[in-house]
Protein backbone atom coordinates (compact mmCIF):
# COMPACT_ATOMS: atom_id res chain seq x y z
CA MET A 1 -117.39 137.28 -32.57
CA SER A 2 -117.45 139.96 -35.21
CA MET A 3 -120.77 141.52 -36.09
CA LYS A 4 -121.07 139.25 -39.15
CA LEU A 5 -120.74 135.96 -37.25
CA LYS A 6 -122.72 137.24 -34.28
CA THR A 7 -125.54 138.40 -36.54
CA ILE A 8 -125.71 135.16 -38.51
CA VAL A 9 -125.69 133.02 -35.35
CA ALA A 10 -128.40 135.16 -33.75
CA PHE A 11 -130.52 134.81 -36.88
CA LEU A 12 -130.10 131.01 -36.99
CA ASP A 13 -130.83 130.63 -33.27
CA ARG A 14 -134.01 132.65 -33.66
CA GLU A 15 -135.15 131.12 -36.96
CA LEU A 16 -134.58 127.54 -35.81
CA ARG A 17 -135.89 128.20 -32.27
CA ILE A 18 -133.10 126.08 -30.88
CA GLY A 19 -134.09 126.79 -27.29
CA ASP A 20 -137.44 125.06 -27.76
CA PHE A 21 -136.00 121.56 -28.22
CA GLU A 22 -134.75 118.97 -25.75
CA ASP A 23 -131.95 117.41 -27.75
CA ALA A 24 -128.81 115.35 -27.22
CA SER A 25 -127.15 117.79 -29.63
CA HIS A 26 -125.95 121.11 -28.23
CA ASN A 27 -127.58 123.07 -31.03
CA GLY A 28 -126.18 126.43 -32.04
CA LEU A 29 -122.63 127.71 -32.37
CA GLN A 30 -120.36 124.87 -31.23
CA VAL A 31 -117.00 126.22 -32.40
CA GLU A 32 -116.22 129.91 -32.87
CA ASN A 33 -113.84 131.48 -35.40
CA SER A 34 -112.10 134.86 -35.34
CA GLY A 35 -115.34 136.50 -36.44
CA SER A 36 -115.33 136.99 -40.19
CA VAL A 37 -117.85 135.18 -42.39
CA SER A 38 -117.71 135.45 -46.16
CA ARG A 39 -118.31 131.87 -47.28
CA VAL A 40 -120.57 129.23 -45.73
CA CYS A 41 -120.42 125.50 -46.38
CA CYS A 42 -123.34 123.31 -45.32
CA GLY A 43 -123.19 119.57 -44.74
CA VAL A 44 -124.94 116.74 -42.94
CA ASP A 45 -122.16 115.55 -40.60
CA ALA A 46 -119.36 117.32 -38.72
CA SER A 47 -116.74 114.93 -40.11
CA LEU A 48 -113.14 115.51 -41.13
CA GLU A 49 -114.15 114.74 -44.71
CA PHE A 50 -116.66 117.60 -44.61
CA PHE A 51 -114.16 119.93 -42.89
CA GLU A 52 -111.48 119.20 -45.48
CA ALA A 53 -113.87 119.79 -48.38
CA ALA A 54 -115.00 123.07 -46.79
CA ALA A 55 -111.39 124.20 -46.26
CA ARG A 56 -110.67 123.66 -49.95
CA LYS A 57 -113.53 126.05 -50.66
CA ASP A 58 -112.16 128.64 -48.18
CA ALA A 59 -115.24 128.46 -45.95
CA ASP A 60 -115.18 130.26 -42.62
CA LEU A 61 -118.57 129.07 -41.31
CA LEU A 62 -119.79 125.49 -41.43
CA VAL A 63 -123.45 124.64 -40.83
CA CYS A 64 -124.28 120.98 -40.22
CA HIS A 65 -127.11 118.79 -39.03
CA HIS A 66 -125.02 116.44 -36.88
CA GLY A 67 -122.53 118.54 -34.91
CA LEU A 68 -119.56 117.69 -32.69
CA SER A 69 -121.07 118.31 -29.26
CA TRP A 70 -123.56 115.71 -28.01
CA ASN A 71 -124.32 115.32 -24.30
CA ASP A 72 -120.83 115.03 -22.78
CA SER A 73 -119.10 113.95 -26.02
CA LEU A 74 -116.50 116.73 -25.69
CA LYS A 75 -115.71 115.92 -22.07
CA ARG A 76 -112.18 115.06 -23.18
CA ILE A 77 -110.47 116.76 -26.11
CA SER A 78 -108.40 113.82 -27.26
CA GLY A 79 -108.28 111.39 -30.15
CA LEU A 80 -110.75 112.20 -32.88
CA ASN A 81 -112.20 115.13 -30.89
CA TYR A 82 -108.73 116.69 -30.85
CA ARG A 83 -108.16 116.13 -34.56
CA ARG A 84 -111.51 117.62 -35.55
CA LEU A 85 -111.27 120.65 -33.29
CA LYS A 86 -107.64 121.27 -34.24
CA PHE A 87 -108.59 121.27 -37.92
CA LEU A 88 -111.37 123.81 -37.37
CA LEU A 89 -109.17 126.08 -35.26
CA ASN A 90 -106.21 125.85 -37.64
CA HIS A 91 -108.46 126.87 -40.54
CA ASP A 92 -110.37 129.51 -38.55
CA MET A 93 -113.71 127.85 -39.33
CA ALA A 94 -116.75 128.26 -37.09
CA LEU A 95 -119.19 125.35 -36.69
CA TYR A 96 -122.93 125.71 -36.19
CA ALA A 97 -125.07 122.61 -35.51
CA CYS A 98 -128.85 122.22 -35.84
CA HIS A 99 -130.28 118.75 -35.19
CA LEU A 100 -133.92 118.34 -34.11
CA PRO A 101 -134.71 122.04 -34.81
CA LEU A 102 -133.86 121.46 -38.45
CA ASP A 103 -135.89 118.27 -38.69
CA ALA A 104 -138.95 120.09 -37.39
CA HIS A 105 -138.65 123.48 -39.08
CA PRO A 106 -141.90 124.31 -40.97
CA ARG A 107 -140.19 125.99 -43.94
CA CYS A 108 -136.64 124.73 -44.39
CA GLY A 109 -136.68 121.52 -42.36
CA ASN A 110 -135.80 118.08 -43.66
CA ASN A 111 -139.27 116.66 -43.22
CA ILE A 112 -141.37 119.49 -44.62
CA LEU A 113 -139.16 119.67 -47.71
CA ILE A 114 -139.41 115.92 -48.34
CA ALA A 115 -143.18 116.07 -47.86
CA ARG A 116 -143.47 118.90 -50.36
CA ALA A 117 -141.21 117.11 -52.84
CA LEU A 118 -143.63 114.17 -52.64
CA LYS A 119 -146.48 116.63 -53.30
CA LEU A 120 -148.25 115.86 -50.05
CA GLN A 121 -151.16 118.10 -49.12
CA ARG A 122 -152.93 119.00 -45.86
CA LEU A 123 -149.59 118.83 -44.04
CA ALA A 124 -149.56 118.75 -40.25
CA PRO A 125 -146.81 118.16 -37.64
CA PHE A 126 -146.31 114.49 -36.82
CA GLY A 127 -143.93 112.34 -34.80
CA LEU A 128 -143.61 113.17 -31.13
CA TYR A 129 -140.01 113.03 -29.91
CA ASN A 130 -138.78 114.50 -26.64
CA GLY A 131 -142.03 116.39 -26.30
CA ARG A 132 -141.98 117.98 -29.78
CA GLU A 133 -143.29 116.85 -33.15
CA ILE A 134 -140.36 116.71 -35.53
CA GLY A 135 -141.92 115.25 -38.69
CA PHE A 136 -144.89 115.92 -40.95
CA ALA A 137 -147.80 113.90 -42.26
CA GLY A 138 -150.12 114.61 -45.17
CA ARG A 139 -152.05 113.13 -48.03
CA LEU A 140 -151.35 112.57 -51.70
CA PRO A 141 -153.67 114.61 -53.96
CA LYS A 142 -155.40 111.37 -54.90
CA PRO A 143 -154.94 107.68 -54.07
CA MET A 144 -151.89 106.14 -55.72
CA ARG A 145 -150.56 102.66 -56.23
CA TYR A 146 -148.00 101.95 -53.54
CA THR A 147 -145.56 100.68 -56.16
CA THR A 148 -145.84 104.05 -57.95
CA LEU A 149 -145.18 105.96 -54.73
CA LYS A 150 -142.10 103.86 -54.02
CA ARG A 151 -140.72 104.80 -57.43
CA ARG A 152 -141.50 108.48 -56.79
CA ILE A 153 -139.68 108.41 -53.46
CA ALA A 154 -136.63 106.79 -55.07
CA GLU A 155 -136.65 109.46 -57.79
CA VAL A 156 -136.97 112.31 -55.29
CA MET A 157 -134.14 110.90 -53.16
CA GLY A 158 -131.96 110.00 -56.12
CA ARG A 159 -131.24 106.54 -54.77
CA GLU A 160 -132.64 103.06 -54.25
CA VAL A 161 -134.88 102.62 -51.24
CA GLN A 162 -135.52 99.77 -48.82
CA THR A 163 -139.10 98.89 -48.04
CA MET A 164 -141.32 96.90 -45.70
CA ASP A 165 -144.48 96.14 -47.62
CA PHE A 166 -147.24 95.11 -45.24
CA GLY A 167 -149.93 97.66 -46.02
CA LYS A 168 -152.42 98.69 -48.66
CA LYS A 169 -151.74 98.32 -52.37
CA THR A 170 -153.35 101.72 -52.98
CA VAL A 171 -152.28 104.46 -50.58
CA GLN A 172 -152.93 108.12 -49.79
CA SER A 173 -151.76 109.10 -46.28
CA VAL A 174 -147.99 109.48 -45.76
CA ALA A 175 -145.87 110.39 -42.72
CA VAL A 176 -142.25 111.57 -42.97
CA ILE A 177 -139.57 111.58 -40.25
CA SER A 178 -136.04 111.76 -41.60
CA GLY A 179 -132.89 110.04 -40.35
CA GLY A 180 -132.82 107.31 -37.73
CA ALA A 181 -136.49 107.29 -36.82
CA ALA A 182 -137.42 103.68 -37.51
CA ALA A 183 -139.02 103.19 -34.08
CA GLU A 184 -141.35 106.14 -34.64
CA ILE A 185 -143.20 103.97 -37.15
CA GLU A 186 -145.36 102.93 -34.18
CA GLU A 187 -147.01 106.36 -34.13
CA ALA A 188 -147.79 105.97 -37.84
CA GLY A 189 -149.34 102.60 -37.11
CA ARG A 190 -151.51 103.97 -34.31
CA ALA A 191 -152.61 106.84 -36.56
CA GLY A 192 -153.60 104.53 -39.43
CA ILE A 193 -151.05 106.03 -41.84
CA ASP A 194 -150.71 104.16 -45.14
CA VAL A 195 -146.97 104.79 -45.75
CA TYR A 196 -144.20 105.74 -43.34
CA VAL A 197 -141.07 107.35 -44.82
CA SER A 198 -137.79 107.58 -42.91
CA GLY A 199 -134.05 107.15 -43.30
CA GLU A 200 -132.53 104.07 -41.68
CA PRO A 201 -134.38 100.76 -41.40
CA ALA A 202 -134.20 98.85 -38.12
CA LEU A 203 -135.41 95.47 -36.96
CA ILE A 204 -137.93 97.02 -34.55
CA ALA A 205 -139.68 98.66 -37.51
CA TYR A 206 -140.18 95.36 -39.31
CA SER A 207 -142.41 93.81 -36.67
CA LEU A 208 -144.27 97.06 -36.08
CA ALA A 209 -144.98 97.53 -39.78
CA GLN A 210 -146.11 93.93 -40.09
CA GLU A 211 -148.35 94.01 -37.03
CA TYR A 212 -149.92 97.39 -37.81
CA GLY A 213 -150.32 96.43 -41.48
CA LEU A 214 -148.61 99.45 -42.99
CA ASN A 215 -145.96 100.14 -45.60
CA ALA A 216 -142.57 101.68 -44.78
CA VAL A 217 -139.98 103.20 -47.10
CA PHE A 218 -136.41 103.85 -45.92
CA ALA A 219 -134.42 106.14 -48.20
CA GLY A 220 -131.16 106.46 -46.24
CA HIS A 221 -130.20 108.51 -43.20
CA TYR A 222 -127.94 110.80 -45.21
CA ALA A 223 -130.26 111.22 -48.20
CA THR A 224 -133.20 112.20 -46.02
CA GLU A 225 -131.14 114.81 -44.16
CA VAL A 226 -129.46 116.78 -46.93
CA TRP A 227 -132.62 118.82 -47.41
CA GLY A 228 -132.51 121.12 -44.42
CA VAL A 229 -128.86 122.18 -44.47
CA ARG A 230 -129.07 122.72 -48.22
CA ALA A 231 -132.05 125.04 -47.70
CA LEU A 232 -130.31 126.87 -44.85
CA GLY A 233 -127.38 127.67 -47.13
CA GLY A 234 -129.71 129.29 -49.64
CA MET A 235 -131.43 131.23 -46.87
CA LEU A 236 -128.13 132.60 -45.52
CA ALA A 237 -126.90 133.58 -48.98
CA LYS A 238 -130.07 135.51 -49.69
CA ARG A 239 -130.31 137.23 -46.32
CA PHE A 240 -126.67 138.09 -45.64
CA GLY A 241 -125.08 138.23 -49.10
CA VAL A 242 -122.49 135.57 -48.25
CA GLU A 243 -121.48 132.78 -50.60
CA ALA A 244 -123.04 129.51 -49.48
CA GLU A 245 -122.64 126.00 -50.82
CA PHE A 246 -123.92 122.57 -49.87
CA VAL A 247 -121.11 120.01 -49.75
CA ASP A 248 -122.56 116.70 -50.89
CA LEU A 249 -120.44 113.76 -49.77
CA LYS A 250 -122.87 111.37 -51.51
CA ILE A 251 -122.98 108.91 -48.60
CA SER A 252 -125.15 105.89 -49.39
CA PHE A 253 -126.27 105.02 -45.83
């Protein structure tokens, strides 16, 4: 690695505290390039669509939330693994992945940024997963009609939301865990949270929401996880003077 890539990776590892998380994702630098970094593209998923868009922008470092290497997913470099890795190597693009560390980050993480966008106050870590809290919970400045909060969430996310409406008509406490965290609604129920906000709905969440008597809002896995990588791009541009851009594939799931 050249000093530029080595320095950026060391900064990200330290800032995201990737060693503190037990994660199926192998967080950190997953694919190396020849060392030079002048343009960074950030995206949610390490997909060929993202790689191709980044190549058109002449990126040499890609930062994503969902990387290529999960558990033993790269045990064999064949099929789609081969195609993805070949594309990165042919275009001399490095790939850095940050999964749970980016959900939990207290400044540029998905969940803290969503919570702040919703104007929650008295924020505290929430949502225990693999021994670490990866989400945040807080309170609206004053009680609000649940219907009004649902509209606010849809506006903040820029998309329609799916809901499970079993709780109070007037709400104040809100917990946020982005992505595929439907099952973690149980912790919100035990804590007496009024509204649980996550990405993907799941059948298990329906019964839990109903039985705990709480409201749940699901705003899409992708839409709830653009926040962190977008913020990381801005952080890298400011700190290292590289060009950085978030590549929005506008996925509706």
